[in-house]
N, C-alpha and C. Protein backbone atom coordinates (compact mmCIF):
# COMPACT_ATOMS: atom_id res chain seq x y z
N PRO A 1 0.87 -1.37 -0.07
CA PRO A 1 -0.02 -0.06 0.18
C PRO A 1 0.95 1.33 0.00
N VAL A 2 0.40 2.30 -0.08
CA VAL A 2 1.00 3.66 -0.76
C VAL A 2 0.75 4.19 0.69
N THR A 3 1.44 4.39 1.99
CA THR A 3 0.75 5.09 2.83
C THR A 3 1.26 6.46 2.76
N ALA A 4 2.36 6.90 1.88
CA ALA A 4 2.58 8.05 1.51
C ALA A 4 1.54 9.43 1.88
N GLY A 5 1.96 10.28 2.46
CA GLY A 5 0.90 11.25 2.43
C GLY A 5 -0.10 11.57 3.68
N SER A 6 -0.25 10.21 4.61
CA SER A 6 -0.40 10.44 5.71
C SER A 6 0.48 10.35 6.58
N ILE A 7 1.87 10.72 6.64
CA ILE A 7 2.57 10.79 7.41
C ILE A 7 2.52 12.13 7.72
N VAL A 8 3.24 12.32 9.71
CA VAL A 8 3.18 13.72 9.77
C VAL A 8 4.81 13.55 10.22
N VAL A 9 5.68 14.02 9.72
CA VAL A 9 7.24 14.40 10.33
C VAL A 9 7.53 15.37 11.00
N PRO A 10 8.11 14.99 12.41
CA PRO A 10 8.00 16.19 13.19
C PRO A 10 9.60 17.20 12.63
N TYR A 11 9.31 18.43 12.72
CA TYR A 11 10.39 19.12 12.26
C TYR A 11 11.83 18.75 13.24
N GLY A 12 12.56 18.68 11.67
CA GLY A 12 13.71 18.56 12.01
C GLY A 12 14.48 16.83 12.28
N HIS A 13 13.09 15.96 11.93
CA HIS A 13 13.89 14.13 12.13
C HIS A 13 13.42 13.83 10.60
N VAL A 14 13.87 12.75 10.63
CA VAL A 14 13.69 11.70 9.48
C VAL A 14 13.01 10.07 9.80
N ILE A 15 11.76 9.86 9.27
CA ILE A 15 11.27 9.08 9.22
C ILE A 15 11.49 7.57 8.68
N GLY A 16 12.01 6.87 9.08
CA GLY A 16 12.45 5.44 8.28
C GLY A 16 11.70 4.33 8.53
N ASN A 17 11.51 3.59 7.16
CA ASN A 17 10.69 2.53 6.91
C ASN A 17 11.79 1.53 7.95
N GLU A 18 10.96 1.17 8.76
CA GLU A 18 11.30 -0.23 9.64
C GLU A 18 12.37 -0.92 8.77
N LYS A 19 12.59 -1.46 7.79
CA LYS A 19 13.02 -2.07 7.28
C LYS A 19 15.02 -1.55 7.21
N TRP A 20 15.01 -0.48 7.57
CA TRP A 20 16.62 0.11 7.41
C TRP A 20 16.72 -0.16 8.60
N ARG A 21 16.17 -0.54 9.95
CA ARG A 21 16.26 -0.76 10.94
C ARG A 21 17.93 -1.07 11.45
N GLY A 22 18.91 -1.01 11.78
CA GLY A 22 20.15 -1.68 11.82
C GLY A 22 20.85 -1.80 10.51
N SER A 23 20.74 -0.93 9.46
CA SER A 23 21.52 -0.71 8.43
C SER A 23 22.61 0.00 8.66
N GLU A 24 23.85 -0.31 7.50
CA GLU A 24 24.60 1.03 7.21
C GLU A 24 23.87 2.25 7.75
N LEU A 25 23.02 2.68 6.93
CA LEU A 25 22.63 3.67 6.16
C LEU A 25 22.17 4.36 7.72
N ALA A 26 21.04 3.62 8.44
CA ALA A 26 20.55 4.22 9.21
C ALA A 26 22.01 4.34 10.76
N GLN A 27 22.72 3.60 10.62
CA GLN A 27 24.09 3.26 11.46
C GLN A 27 24.55 4.98 11.25
N LYS A 28 24.95 5.24 10.16
CA LYS A 28 25.22 6.84 9.97
C LYS A 28 24.58 7.61 10.06
N LEU A 29 23.37 7.77 9.97
CA LEU A 29 22.25 9.24 10.50
C LEU A 29 22.42 8.81 11.64
N GLN A 30 22.47 7.73 12.85
CA GLN A 30 22.13 7.90 14.03
C GLN A 30 23.21 9.12 14.66
N GLY A 31 22.46 9.91 15.51
CA GLY A 31 23.83 11.14 16.23
C GLY A 31 23.88 12.45 15.44
N LYS A 32 23.25 12.30 13.95
CA LYS A 32 23.98 13.42 13.24
C LYS A 32 21.98 13.99 12.91
N ILE A 33 21.21 12.99 13.06
CA ILE A 33 19.99 13.48 12.69
C ILE A 33 19.06 13.21 13.44
N ARG A 34 18.19 13.35 14.12
CA ARG A 34 16.66 12.55 14.52
C ARG A 34 16.20 11.44 13.30
N LEU A 35 16.56 10.31 13.98
CA LEU A 35 15.61 9.20 13.05
C LEU A 35 15.02 8.67 13.75
N ILE A 36 13.90 8.55 13.34
CA ILE A 36 12.52 7.66 14.08
C ILE A 36 12.31 6.33 12.97
N PHE A 37 12.17 5.00 13.47
CA PHE A 37 11.23 4.04 12.60
C PHE A 37 9.97 4.00 13.21
N GLU A 38 9.10 3.44 11.51
CA GLU A 38 8.33 2.72 11.53
C GLU A 38 7.75 2.30 10.56
N ASP A 39 6.59 1.26 11.03
CA ASP A 39 6.25 0.37 10.14
C ASP A 39 5.40 0.81 9.44
N GLY A 40 4.71 0.45 8.34
CA GLY A 40 3.55 0.36 7.41
C GLY A 40 3.88 1.77 6.57
N LEU A 41 5.37 2.13 6.29
CA LEU A 41 5.32 3.13 5.29
C LEU A 41 5.08 3.28 3.70
N GLY A 42 4.68 1.64 3.72
CA GLY A 42 4.54 1.54 2.39
C GLY A 42 5.87 1.31 1.27
N LEU A 43 5.36 2.10 0.13
CA LEU A 43 6.49 2.22 -0.94
C LEU A 43 7.46 2.85 -0.75
N VAL A 44 7.53 3.46 0.68
CA VAL A 44 8.79 5.10 0.96
C VAL A 44 9.63 3.92 1.88
N ASP A 45 10.96 4.71 1.65
CA ASP A 45 11.71 4.21 2.51
C ASP A 45 12.10 5.72 3.54
N PHE A 46 12.13 6.78 3.48
CA PHE A 46 12.19 7.44 4.31
C PHE A 46 11.39 9.07 4.28
N HIS A 47 10.99 9.81 5.01
CA HIS A 47 10.01 10.66 4.77
C HIS A 47 11.14 11.47 5.57
N LEU A 48 11.61 13.17 4.87
CA LEU A 48 12.20 14.31 4.84
C LEU A 48 11.27 14.98 5.55
N SER A 49 10.07 14.79 5.42
CA SER A 49 9.59 16.72 5.76
C SER A 49 8.07 15.58 5.46
N ASN A 50 6.81 16.30 5.54
CA ASN A 50 5.28 16.03 5.51
C ASN A 50 5.40 16.61 3.42
N ARG A 51 6.17 16.90 2.66
CA ARG A 51 5.84 16.90 1.71
C ARG A 51 7.07 15.99 0.40
N THR A 52 7.93 15.87 1.35
CA THR A 52 9.43 15.02 0.65
C THR A 52 9.40 13.91 1.24
N CYS A 53 10.06 12.72 0.19
CA CYS A 53 10.33 11.59 1.07
C CYS A 53 11.30 11.28 -0.06
N ILE A 54 11.81 9.97 0.13
CA ILE A 54 12.86 8.93 -0.43
C ILE A 54 12.64 7.92 -0.70
N LEU A 55 13.06 7.40 -1.91
CA LEU A 55 12.92 6.02 -2.50
C LEU A 55 13.86 5.70 -2.66
N TYR A 56 14.70 4.31 -2.10
CA TYR A 56 15.84 4.03 -2.37
C TYR A 56 16.22 2.98 -2.72
N ILE A 57 16.83 2.96 -4.33
CA ILE A 57 17.13 1.84 -4.99
C ILE A 57 18.45 1.25 -4.61
N SER A 58 18.49 0.44 -4.58
CA SER A 58 20.09 -0.19 -4.04
C SER A 58 20.76 -1.14 -5.42
N GLU A 59 21.70 -1.34 -5.44
CA GLU A 59 22.72 -2.04 -6.49
C GLU A 59 21.50 -3.49 -6.65
N ALA A 60 21.19 -4.02 -5.53
CA ALA A 60 20.74 -5.31 -5.73
C ALA A 60 19.62 -5.00 -6.17
N ASP A 61 18.80 -4.05 -6.22
CA ASP A 61 17.31 -4.09 -6.85
C ASP A 61 17.54 -3.63 -7.93
N LEU A 62 18.36 -3.05 -8.59
CA LEU A 62 18.79 -2.84 -10.00
C LEU A 62 19.14 -4.06 -10.71
N VAL A 63 19.72 -4.84 -9.85
CA VAL A 63 20.31 -5.83 -10.87
C VAL A 63 19.23 -6.94 -10.78
N ALA A 64 18.62 -6.77 -9.61
CA ALA A 64 17.26 -8.37 -9.46
C ALA A 64 16.05 -8.19 -10.60
N GLY A 65 16.14 -7.15 -11.52
CA GLY A 65 14.87 -6.87 -12.71
C GLY A 65 13.93 -5.30 -12.36
N ASP A 66 12.76 -5.69 -12.92
CA ASP A 66 11.92 -4.43 -12.72
C ASP A 66 11.28 -4.28 -11.74
N GLU A 67 11.41 -4.85 -10.38
CA GLU A 67 10.12 -4.64 -9.37
C GLU A 67 10.78 -3.26 -8.88
N PHE A 68 11.71 -2.97 -9.07
CA PHE A 68 12.00 -1.20 -8.50
C PHE A 68 11.17 -0.44 -9.44
N LYS A 69 10.78 -0.77 -10.70
CA LYS A 69 10.27 0.21 -11.72
C LYS A 69 8.86 0.06 -11.54
N ARG A 70 8.38 -1.00 -11.19
CA ARG A 70 6.91 -0.90 -10.71
C ARG A 70 6.43 -0.16 -9.21
N ARG A 71 7.57 -0.59 -8.40
CA ARG A 71 7.71 0.54 -7.40
C ARG A 71 7.27 1.99 -7.49
N LEU A 72 8.08 2.46 -8.13
CA LEU A 72 8.23 3.76 -8.70
C LEU A 72 7.00 4.45 -8.98
N VAL A 73 6.74 3.43 -10.43
CA VAL A 73 5.31 4.22 -11.09
C VAL A 73 4.30 4.01 -9.94
N ARG A 74 3.70 2.99 -8.91
CA ARG A 74 3.19 2.84 -8.33
C ARG A 74 2.91 4.18 -7.20
N PHE A 75 4.00 4.55 -6.79
CA PHE A 75 4.37 5.68 -5.71
C PHE A 75 3.99 6.68 -6.63
N ARG A 76 4.38 7.29 -7.67
CA ARG A 76 4.10 8.03 -8.54
C ARG A 76 2.43 8.46 -8.84
N ASN A 77 1.81 7.23 -9.02
CA ASN A 77 0.45 7.14 -9.34
C ASN A 77 -0.40 7.14 -8.26
N ALA A 78 -0.14 7.11 -7.06
CA ALA A 78 -0.72 7.09 -5.52
C ALA A 78 -0.81 8.41 -4.86
N SER A 79 0.71 9.03 -5.07
CA SER A 79 1.35 10.28 -3.73
C SER A 79 0.99 11.54 -4.98
N SER A 80 0.86 12.58 -3.94
CA SER A 80 1.33 13.82 -4.50
C SER A 80 2.29 14.46 -3.71
N LEU A 81 3.18 13.39 -2.91
CA LEU A 81 4.35 14.00 -2.37
C LEU A 81 5.87 14.24 -3.10
N GLY A 82 6.18 14.74 -2.91
CA GLY A 82 7.76 14.80 -3.54
C GLY A 82 8.57 13.83 -3.56
N GLY A 83 8.71 13.38 -4.42
CA GLY A 83 9.95 12.08 -4.51
C GLY A 83 11.09 12.33 -4.55
N ILE A 84 12.05 12.14 -3.69
CA ILE A 84 13.51 11.83 -4.33
C ILE A 84 13.99 10.13 -4.84
N VAL A 85 14.21 9.67 -5.39
CA VAL A 85 15.09 8.55 -5.58
C VAL A 85 16.09 8.72 -6.00
N ILE A 86 17.18 7.72 -4.74
CA ILE A 86 18.18 7.86 -4.54
C ILE A 86 18.66 6.26 -4.99
N VAL A 87 19.53 6.27 -6.18
CA VAL A 87 20.14 5.03 -6.75
C VAL A 87 22.03 4.90 -6.21
N GLU A 88 21.73 3.68 -6.36
CA GLU A 88 23.26 3.49 -5.87
C GLU A 88 23.73 3.17 -7.17
N LYS A 89 24.97 3.66 -7.78
CA LYS A 89 25.37 3.88 -9.38
C LYS A 89 26.99 3.00 -9.01
N THR A 90 27.03 2.09 -9.13
CA THR A 90 28.61 1.05 -8.92
C THR A 90 28.74 0.97 -10.12
N GLN A 91 29.86 -0.01 -10.00
CA GLN A 91 30.82 -0.67 -11.56
C GLN A 91 29.25 -2.11 -12.08
N ILE A 92 29.00 -2.48 -10.73
CA ILE A 92 28.01 -3.35 -11.21
C ILE A 92 26.19 -2.57 -11.94
N SER A 93 25.85 -1.93 -11.62
CA SER A 93 24.79 -1.28 -11.77
C SER A 93 24.91 -0.08 -13.02
N ASP A 94 25.88 0.53 -12.69
CA ASP A 94 26.14 1.23 -13.70
C ASP A 94 25.17 1.49 -15.46
N GLN A 95 25.43 0.18 -15.80
CA GLN A 95 24.46 -0.08 -17.10
C GLN A 95 23.62 -0.48 -17.04
N TYR A 96 22.75 -0.11 -16.03
CA TYR A 96 21.25 0.32 -15.90
C TYR A 96 20.91 1.77 -15.66
N PHE A 97 21.88 2.40 -15.06
CA PHE A 97 21.71 3.67 -14.93
C PHE A 97 20.84 4.64 -15.64
N LEU A 98 21.18 4.59 -17.14
CA LEU A 98 21.19 5.26 -18.01
C LEU A 98 19.16 5.34 -18.18
N ALA A 99 18.71 4.15 -18.33
CA ALA A 99 17.32 3.41 -18.19
C ALA A 99 16.91 3.75 -16.92
N VAL A 100 17.24 4.02 -16.09
CA VAL A 100 16.34 4.42 -14.91
C VAL A 100 16.34 6.14 -14.85
N GLN A 101 17.59 6.62 -15.14
CA GLN A 101 17.63 7.98 -15.08
C GLN A 101 16.43 8.45 -16.22
N LYS A 102 16.06 7.76 -17.11
CA LYS A 102 15.04 7.95 -18.12
C LYS A 102 14.04 8.22 -17.60
N LEU A 103 13.48 7.22 -16.98
CA LEU A 103 12.28 6.83 -16.46
C LEU A 103 11.63 7.37 -15.23
N VAL A 104 13.26 7.67 -14.33
CA VAL A 104 12.33 8.57 -12.90
C VAL A 104 12.56 9.85 -13.75
N VAL A 105 13.65 10.63 -14.53
CA VAL A 105 13.29 11.84 -14.17
C VAL A 105 12.22 12.32 -15.66
N LEU A 106 12.46 11.93 -16.79
CA LEU A 106 11.69 12.03 -17.88
C LEU A 106 10.35 11.76 -17.87
N GLU A 107 10.37 10.36 -17.48
CA GLU A 107 8.84 9.54 -17.32
C GLU A 107 7.92 10.03 -16.52
N LEU A 108 8.81 10.22 -15.09
CA LEU A 108 8.15 10.02 -14.04
C LEU A 108 7.81 11.66 -13.06
N GLY A 109 8.89 12.68 -13.71
CA GLY A 109 9.03 13.86 -13.29
C GLY A 109 9.66 13.74 -11.72
N MET A 110 10.49 12.86 -11.61
CA MET A 110 10.57 12.71 -10.03
C MET A 110 12.33 12.97 -10.04
N VAL A 111 12.80 13.41 -8.78
CA VAL A 111 14.47 14.02 -8.75
C VAL A 111 15.38 12.88 -8.63
N LEU A 112 16.32 12.36 -9.01
CA LEU A 112 17.29 11.21 -9.31
C LEU A 112 18.68 11.80 -8.51
N LEU A 113 19.11 11.27 -7.74
CA LEU A 113 20.21 11.66 -7.24
C LEU A 113 21.08 10.36 -6.71
N PRO A 114 22.53 10.14 -7.85
CA PRO A 114 23.24 9.13 -7.67
C PRO A 114 24.17 8.61 -6.38
N VAL A 115 24.41 7.57 -6.01
CA VAL A 115 25.12 7.70 -4.78
C VAL A 115 26.15 6.21 -5.20
N ALA A 116 27.32 6.18 -4.54
CA ALA A 116 28.15 5.44 -4.70
C ALA A 116 27.60 4.09 -3.48
N ASN A 117 27.23 4.37 -2.41
CA ASN A 117 27.05 3.45 -1.32
C ASN A 117 26.18 4.17 -0.52
N GLN A 118 25.86 3.06 0.61
CA GLN A 118 24.94 3.72 1.55
C GLN A 118 25.42 4.89 2.75
N GLY A 119 26.80 5.18 2.77
CA GLY A 119 27.42 6.09 3.47
C GLY A 119 27.33 7.30 2.44
N GLU A 120 27.45 7.24 1.34
CA GLU A 120 27.44 8.41 0.75
C GLU A 120 25.68 8.84 0.78
N ALA A 121 24.67 7.79 0.87
CA ALA A 121 23.26 8.17 0.81
C ALA A 121 23.26 8.88 2.00
N SER A 122 23.76 8.66 3.12
CA SER A 122 23.63 9.07 4.50
C SER A 122 23.79 10.56 4.66
N GLN A 123 25.16 10.96 3.79
CA GLN A 123 25.94 12.52 4.12
C GLN A 123 24.47 13.18 3.18
N LEU A 124 23.89 12.51 2.12
CA LEU A 124 23.02 13.02 1.44
C LEU A 124 21.71 13.80 2.11
N ILE A 125 21.03 12.69 2.70
CA ILE A 125 20.11 12.70 4.00
C ILE A 125 20.05 13.97 4.82
N ILE A 126 21.21 13.96 5.43
CA ILE A 126 21.58 15.19 6.86
C ILE A 126 22.14 16.12 6.20
N GLN A 127 22.53 16.44 4.45
CA GLN A 127 22.30 17.68 3.66
C GLN A 127 21.08 18.20 3.50
N LEU A 128 20.12 17.48 3.18
CA LEU A 128 18.93 17.55 2.69
C LEU A 128 17.89 18.06 4.14
N VAL A 129 18.56 17.49 5.14
CA VAL A 129 17.32 18.01 6.28
C VAL A 129 17.81 19.13 6.84
N SER A 130 19.32 19.49 6.85
CA SER A 130 19.91 20.61 7.35
C SER A 130 19.41 21.54 6.43
N PHE A 131 19.19 21.38 5.41
CA PHE A 131 18.34 22.41 4.31
C PHE A 131 17.11 22.87 4.74
N TYR A 132 16.58 21.60 4.80
CA TYR A 132 14.75 22.16 5.02
C TYR A 132 15.00 22.98 6.34
N VAL A 133 15.63 22.35 7.50
CA VAL A 133 15.71 22.85 8.92
C VAL A 133 16.19 24.58 8.52
N ARG A 134 17.14 24.84 7.48
CA ARG A 134 17.55 26.45 7.98
C ARG A 134 16.34 26.91 7.08
N GLU A 135 15.87 26.53 5.91
CA GLU A 135 14.41 27.27 5.46
C GLU A 135 13.66 27.11 6.13
N HIS A 136 13.30 26.45 7.13
CA HIS A 136 11.96 26.69 7.69
C HIS A 136 12.45 27.48 9.25
N SER A 137 13.46 27.59 9.63
CA SER A 137 13.84 28.64 10.53
C SER A 137 13.84 30.14 9.80
N ARG A 138 14.75 30.29 8.78
CA ARG A 138 14.38 31.58 8.25
C ARG A 138 13.11 32.16 7.99
N ASP A 139 12.27 31.18 7.99
CA ASP A 139 10.84 32.30 7.70
C ASP A 139 9.50 30.93 8.26
N PRO A 140 9.29 30.82 9.60
CA PRO A 140 8.58 29.81 9.65
C PRO A 140 7.29 29.50 9.67
N ASN A 141 6.58 31.30 9.36
CA ASN A 141 5.68 31.09 8.65
C ASN A 141 4.94 31.16 7.33
N SER A 142 5.79 30.87 6.49
CA SER A 142 6.02 31.14 4.97
C SER A 142 4.84 30.19 4.67
N ASN A 143 4.05 30.68 3.44
CA ASN A 143 2.98 29.81 3.22
C ASN A 143 3.69 29.06 1.83
N PRO A 144 3.88 27.82 1.91
CA PRO A 144 4.48 27.40 0.13
C PRO A 144 4.51 28.22 -1.10
N PHE A 145 2.85 28.11 -0.82
CA PHE A 145 2.23 28.35 -2.04
C PHE A 145 2.47 30.29 -2.55
N LEU A 146 2.82 30.63 -1.33
CA LEU A 146 2.64 32.63 -1.53
C LEU A 146 4.23 32.77 -1.56
N ARG A 147 5.05 31.92 -1.33
CA ARG A 147 6.66 32.34 -1.66
C ARG A 147 6.78 33.04 -2.73
N LYS A 148 8.23 33.70 -2.84
CA LYS A 148 8.55 34.52 -3.96
C LYS A 148 9.36 33.43 -4.77
N PRO A 149 9.31 33.60 -6.23
CA PRO A 149 10.13 32.73 -6.94
C PRO A 149 11.45 32.05 -6.66
N CYS A 150 12.05 33.13 -6.28
CA CYS A 150 13.49 32.25 -5.48
C CYS A 150 13.45 31.57 -4.36
N SER A 151 12.80 31.94 -3.15
CA SER A 151 12.67 30.74 -2.49
C SER A 151 12.29 29.52 -2.99
N GLN A 152 11.15 29.44 -3.66
CA GLN A 152 10.32 27.88 -4.26
C GLN A 152 11.82 27.21 -4.70
N LEU A 153 12.81 28.07 -5.50
CA LEU A 153 13.65 27.12 -6.23
C LEU A 153 14.65 26.79 -5.44
N ALA A 154 14.48 26.88 -4.13
CA ALA A 154 15.57 26.42 -3.04
C ALA A 154 14.90 24.78 -2.78
N GLU A 155 13.97 24.46 -3.49
CA GLU A 155 13.68 23.19 -3.07
C GLU A 155 14.76 22.22 -3.23
N PRO A 156 15.61 21.66 -1.73
CA PRO A 156 16.50 21.44 -1.92
C PRO A 156 17.30 20.20 -2.44
N SER A 157 16.05 19.03 -3.15
CA SER A 157 16.01 18.17 -3.96
C SER A 157 16.48 18.62 -5.59
N MET A 158 15.64 19.51 -5.88
CA MET A 158 16.07 20.21 -7.35
C MET A 158 17.19 21.10 -7.05
N PHE A 159 17.47 21.51 -6.42
CA PHE A 159 18.56 22.24 -6.32
C PHE A 159 19.80 21.15 -6.76
N GLN A 160 19.96 19.99 -5.35
CA GLN A 160 20.94 18.91 -5.64
C GLN A 160 21.12 18.67 -7.10
N THR A 161 19.95 17.97 -7.52
CA THR A 161 20.02 17.42 -8.68
C THR A 161 20.74 18.16 -9.53
N VAL A 162 20.71 19.43 -10.12
CA VAL A 162 21.31 20.57 -11.42
C VAL A 162 22.10 20.81 -10.84
N GLN A 163 23.19 20.51 -9.54
CA GLN A 163 24.41 20.83 -9.45
C GLN A 163 24.91 19.70 -9.55
N GLN A 164 24.10 18.14 -9.80
CA GLN A 164 25.06 17.20 -10.30
C GLN A 164 25.64 16.97 -11.96
N ILE A 165 24.70 18.16 -12.44
CA ILE A 165 25.44 18.45 -13.83
C ILE A 165 27.02 18.96 -14.37
N PRO A 166 27.57 18.55 -15.01
CA PRO A 166 29.35 18.73 -14.91
C PRO A 166 29.03 20.26 -15.10
N GLY A 167 29.85 21.46 -14.78
CA GLY A 167 30.12 22.87 -14.81
C GLY A 167 29.16 23.47 -13.98
N VAL A 168 28.22 22.73 -13.34
CA VAL A 168 27.12 23.69 -12.82
C VAL A 168 27.33 23.92 -11.15
N GLY A 169 27.75 24.93 -10.63
CA GLY A 169 26.91 25.08 -9.44
C GLY A 169 26.01 25.47 -8.75
N LYS A 170 26.87 26.10 -7.40
CA LYS A 170 25.21 26.41 -6.91
C LYS A 170 24.57 27.89 -7.63
N THR A 171 25.62 28.52 -8.03
CA THR A 171 24.94 30.18 -8.91
C THR A 171 24.35 29.46 -9.82
N LYS A 172 25.16 28.92 -10.80
CA LYS A 172 24.61 28.79 -12.32
C LYS A 172 23.11 27.81 -11.93
N ALA A 173 23.02 26.72 -10.84
CA ALA A 173 21.85 25.89 -10.66
C ALA A 173 20.81 27.20 -10.26
N LEU A 174 21.19 27.70 -9.46
CA LEU A 174 19.88 28.69 -9.35
C LEU A 174 19.41 29.50 -10.39
N LEU A 175 20.73 30.06 -11.35
CA LEU A 175 19.80 30.91 -12.13
C LEU A 175 19.00 30.04 -13.24
N LEU A 176 19.75 28.70 -13.60
CA LEU A 176 18.96 27.79 -14.12
C LEU A 176 17.11 27.23 -13.26
N LEU A 177 17.21 27.49 -12.29
CA LEU A 177 16.11 26.99 -11.86
C LEU A 177 14.97 28.19 -11.87
N GLN A 178 15.80 29.32 -11.88
CA GLN A 178 14.88 30.45 -11.86
C GLN A 178 14.46 30.80 -13.22
N GLN A 179 15.32 30.44 -13.95
CA GLN A 179 14.78 30.55 -15.73
C GLN A 179 13.90 29.69 -15.64
N PHE A 180 14.06 28.16 -15.81
CA PHE A 180 13.13 27.45 -16.21
C PHE A 180 12.30 26.63 -15.31
N GLY A 181 12.35 26.52 -13.76
CA GLY A 181 11.60 26.48 -13.15
C GLY A 181 11.45 25.00 -12.98
N SER A 182 11.61 23.30 -13.85
CA SER A 182 11.48 22.19 -13.07
C SER A 182 12.74 21.83 -14.01
N ILE A 183 13.10 20.22 -13.57
CA ILE A 183 13.74 19.57 -14.11
C ILE A 183 13.58 19.39 -15.57
N HIS A 184 12.13 19.09 -15.39
CA HIS A 184 11.63 18.57 -17.07
C HIS A 184 11.91 19.91 -17.96
N ARG A 185 11.34 21.15 -17.73
CA ARG A 185 11.61 21.99 -18.76
C ARG A 185 13.28 22.17 -18.98
N LEU A 186 14.16 22.19 -17.99
CA LEU A 186 15.32 22.37 -18.12
C LEU A 186 16.14 20.91 -19.01
N CYS A 187 15.65 20.22 -18.71
CA CYS A 187 15.92 18.86 -20.08
C CYS A 187 15.66 18.79 -21.65
N ASN A 188 14.33 19.78 -21.65
CA ASN A 188 13.93 20.05 -22.56
C ASN A 188 14.69 21.12 -23.10
N ALA A 189 15.23 21.70 -22.53
CA ALA A 189 15.79 23.38 -23.32
C ALA A 189 16.66 23.16 -24.28
N SER A 190 16.47 24.03 -25.05
CA SER A 190 17.49 24.07 -26.20
C SER A 190 18.91 24.56 -25.79
N VAL A 191 19.97 24.30 -26.51
CA VAL A 191 21.23 24.86 -26.13
C VAL A 191 21.06 26.39 -26.40
N LYS A 192 20.39 26.72 -27.73
CA LYS A 192 19.88 28.45 -27.07
C LYS A 192 19.41 28.76 -26.14
N GLU A 193 18.73 28.45 -25.56
CA GLU A 193 17.98 28.57 -24.57
C GLU A 193 18.72 28.82 -23.15
N LEU A 194 19.66 27.70 -23.60
CA LEU A 194 20.39 27.42 -22.12
C LEU A 194 21.86 28.71 -22.19
N GLU A 195 22.22 28.96 -23.48
CA GLU A 195 23.28 30.02 -23.53
C GLU A 195 22.90 31.39 -22.90
N LEU A 196 21.78 31.54 -23.16
CA LEU A 196 21.11 32.77 -22.84
C LEU A 196 21.35 33.21 -21.30
N VAL A 197 21.37 32.05 -20.30
CA VAL A 197 21.05 31.31 -18.89
C VAL A 197 22.52 31.80 -18.31
N VAL A 198 23.91 30.52 -18.85
CA VAL A 198 24.84 30.41 -18.75
C VAL A 198 25.72 30.26 -19.71
N GLY A 199 25.49 30.89 -20.77
CA GLY A 199 27.05 31.26 -21.40
C GLY A 199 26.83 29.64 -22.63
N GLN A 200 27.88 29.98 -23.60
CA GLN A 200 27.86 28.68 -24.38
C GLN A 200 28.51 27.34 -24.17
N THR A 201 29.72 27.36 -23.24
CA THR A 201 30.37 26.00 -22.51
C THR A 201 29.44 25.62 -22.04
N VAL A 202 29.03 25.97 -20.94
CA VAL A 202 28.34 25.26 -20.07
C VAL A 202 26.91 24.87 -20.81
N ALA A 203 26.53 25.65 -21.08
CA ALA A 203 25.09 25.59 -22.23
C ALA A 203 25.60 23.81 -22.78
N GLN A 204 26.39 23.96 -23.56
CA GLN A 204 26.87 22.66 -24.47
C GLN A 204 26.75 21.23 -23.37
N GLN A 205 27.49 21.78 -22.43
CA GLN A 205 27.69 20.48 -21.52
C GLN A 205 26.49 20.23 -20.95
N ILE A 206 25.23 21.08 -20.74
CA ILE A 206 24.28 20.65 -19.80
C ILE A 206 23.21 20.09 -21.14
N HIS A 207 23.33 20.46 -22.39
CA HIS A 207 22.38 19.81 -23.11
C HIS A 207 23.05 18.67 -23.39
N THR A 208 25.11 18.30 -23.46
CA THR A 208 25.11 16.60 -23.71
C THR A 208 24.30 16.05 -22.51
N PHE A 209 24.98 15.93 -21.26
CA PHE A 209 24.40 15.45 -20.11
C PHE A 209 23.04 15.40 -20.19
């Protein structure tokens, strides 16, 4: 079942699926953030906030076949939450990565973040949580629907994803998100459109990527 959406995440906490208890990922998160385990999260591995959750695809999931794809599609069809997909991109799973990228980003419109292992994934989760905490403490009464375009860009998962593109740092990521507003529109932008924002060289790198 997809229970995503009925979970209330306490401020500054992460709610983890019970199946992760005792894992390397959970051990690396303990002490860095407040991690609570719950049964019945359905398809979701971690809830970062009331609006954002993580679905984790391991190397084993990729090698085992298409079950992970069905899980992602079921999540997308049943939930209005922002889903971040963390994928283990290793020497073994590298051959599957392009297909996963196409499914997650282009077909499902979700955010994809590759990691080498669970240790790297834990660092990413810690960064995302601290970003939420910073944003929240800056403007605790903010209504997400009334924010100015600039802070709306700071949706951390999107911001992190754009920075994965070669040649794009924080400033260029912000400019790109201001201009295009979504990963999907950025993916479909022409080289000319990109050039207006980041110049010729980086525009070409983004388009190739």
